[in-house]
Amino acid sequence: MITEKYASFDDISNDLKRLNLERKIALEELKMQRNYISEEIGHYSWVNWILKIGKKYGVMLLLRKFFK
């Protein structure tokens, strides 16, 4: 870790404010990435859900044709 020598308490205060803002920005970026990933996964889950229903319906139609 880099140690700095501060000339006044104002320098320390400004540095702490800057670091706090950088931390908040990093947290917001993580939230954005989480939302992006959940949206991407959400699209695929809908596709899988539709395919599962389609498969069940198709199997039911095939079984009806075989037993008629």
C-alpha atoms as a PDB file:
ATOM      1  CA  MET A   1       0.000   0.000   0.000  1.00  0.00           C
ATOM      2  CA  ILE A   2       1.252   3.449  -0.855  1.00  0.00           C
ATOM      3  CA  THR A   3       1.592   5.749   2.123  1.00  0.00           C
ATOM      4  CA  GLU A   4       1.144   9.428   1.526  1.00  0.00           C
ATOM      5  CA  LYS A   5       2.138  12.314   3.701  1.00  0.00           C
ATOM      6  CA  TYR A   6      -0.697  14.756   4.004  1.00  0.00           C
ATOM      7  CA  ALA A   7      -0.168  18.447   4.523  1.00  0.00           C
ATOM      8  CA  SER A   8      -3.534  19.102   6.169  1.00  0.00           C
ATOM      9  CA  PHE A   9      -6.723  17.500   7.356  1.00  0.00           C
ATOM     10  CA  ASP A  10      -8.443  18.846   4.249  1.00  0.00           C
ATOM     11  CA  ASP A  11      -6.181  16.675   2.085  1.00  0.00           C
ATOM     12  CA  ILE A  12      -7.109  13.646   4.168  1.00  0.00           C
ATOM     13  CA  SER A  13     -10.803  14.509   3.966  1.00  0.00           C
ATOM     14  CA  ASN A  14     -10.656  14.972   0.180  1.00  0.00           C
ATOM     15  CA  ASP A  15      -8.825  11.676  -0.242  1.00  0.00           C
ATOM     16  CA  LEU A  16     -11.391   9.856   1.909  1.00  0.00           C
ATOM     17  CA  LYS A  17     -14.254  11.376  -0.100  1.00  0.00           C
ATOM     18  CA  ARG A  18     -12.601  10.332  -3.359  1.00  0.00           C
ATOM     19  CA  LEU A  19     -12.069   6.777  -2.127  1.00  0.00           C
ATOM     20  CA  ASN A  20     -15.657   6.590  -0.894  1.00  0.00           C
ATOM     21  CA  LEU A  21     -16.947   7.713  -4.309  1.00  0.00           C
ATOM     22  CA  GLU A  22     -14.721   5.164  -6.069  1.00  0.00           C
ATOM     23  CA  ARG A  23     -16.122   2.444  -3.795  1.00  0.00           C
ATOM     24  CA  LYS A  24     -19.708   3.496  -4.558  1.00  0.00           C
ATOM     25  CA  ILE A  25     -18.990   3.532  -8.296  1.00  0.00           C
ATOM     26  CA  ALA A  26     -17.503   0.033  -8.101  1.00  0.00           C
ATOM     27  CA  LEU A  27     -20.584  -1.231  -6.228  1.00  0.00           C
ATOM     28  CA  GLU A  28     -22.911   0.276  -8.842  1.00  0.00           C
ATOM     29  CA  GLU A  29     -20.888  -1.354 -11.627  1.00  0.00           C
ATOM     30  CA  LEU A  30     -21.248  -4.711  -9.863  1.00  0.00           C
ATOM     31  CA  LYS A  31     -25.004  -4.185  -9.591  1.00  0.00           C
ATOM     32  CA  MET A  32     -25.207  -3.400 -13.303  1.00  0.00           C
ATOM     33  CA  GLN A  33     -23.281  -6.550 -14.164  1.00  0.00           C
ATOM     34  CA  ARG A  34     -25.543  -8.633 -11.905  1.00  0.00           C
ATOM     35  CA  ASN A  35     -28.644  -7.218 -13.621  1.00  0.00           C
ATOM     36  CA  TYR A  36     -27.168  -7.838 -17.063  1.00  0.00           C
ATOM     37  CA  ILE A  37     -26.337 -11.440 -16.222  1.00  0.00           C
ATOM     38  CA  SER A  38     -29.743 -12.117 -14.674  1.00  0.00           C
ATOM     39  CA  GLU A  39     -31.464 -10.678 -17.772  1.00  0.00           C
ATOM     40  CA  GLU A  40     -29.356 -12.836 -20.078  1.00  0.00           C
ATOM     41  CA  ILE A  41     -30.070 -15.964 -18.073  1.00  0.00           C
ATOM     42  CA  GLY A  42     -33.738 -14.998 -17.893  1.00  0.00           C
ATOM     43  CA  HIS A  43     -34.069 -14.995 -21.677  1.00  0.00           C
ATOM     44  CA  TYR A  44     -32.653 -18.480 -21.902  1.00  0.00           C
ATOM     45  CA  SER A  45     -34.886 -19.813 -19.141  1.00  0.00           C
ATOM     46  CA  TRP A  46     -37.967 -18.648 -21.079  1.00  0.00           C
ATOM     47  CA  VAL A  47     -36.703 -20.426 -24.181  1.00  0.00           C
ATOM     48  CA  ASN A  48     -36.098 -23.605 -22.203  1.00  0.00           C
ATOM     49  CA  TRP A  49     -39.548 -23.362 -20.646  1.00  0.00           C
ATOM     50  CA  ILE A  50     -41.193 -22.986 -24.072  1.00  0.00           C
ATOM     51  CA  LEU A  51     -39.189 -25.902 -25.448  1.00  0.00           C
ATOM     52  CA  LYS A  52     -40.209 -28.138 -22.552  1.00  0.00           C
ATOM     53  CA  ILE A  53     -43.884 -27.358 -23.124  1.00  0.00           C
ATOM     54  CA  GLY A  54     -43.449 -27.936 -26.862  1.00  0.00           C
ATOM     55  CA  LYS A  55     -41.815 -31.299 -26.249  1.00  0.00           C
ATOM     56  CA  LYS A  56     -44.611 -32.426 -23.932  1.00  0.00           C
ATOM     57  CA  TYR A  57     -47.254 -31.342 -26.389  1.00  0.00           C
ATOM     58  CA  GLY A  58     -45.449 -33.055 -29.274  1.00  0.00           C
ATOM     59  CA  VAL A  59     -45.115 -36.300 -27.346  1.00  0.00           C
ATOM     60  CA  MET A  60     -48.810 -36.206 -26.487  1.00  0.00           C
ATOM     61  CA  LEU A  61     -49.707 -35.755 -30.169  1.00  0.00           C
ATOM     62  CA  LEU A  62     -47.464 -38.659 -31.178  1.00  0.00           C
ATOM     63  CA  LEU A  63     -48.967 -40.922 -28.529  1.00  0.00           C
ATOM     64  CA  ARG A  64     -52.480 -40.066 -29.684  1.00  0.00           C
ATOM     65  CA  LYS A  65     -51.587 -40.930 -33.290  1.00  0.00           C
ATOM     66  CA  PHE A  66     -50.040 -44.242 -32.273  1.00  0.00           C
ATOM     67  CA  PHE A  67     -53.012 -45.349 -30.138  1.00  0.00           C
ATOM     68  CA  LYS A  68     -55.785 -44.291 -32.545  1.00  0.00           C
END
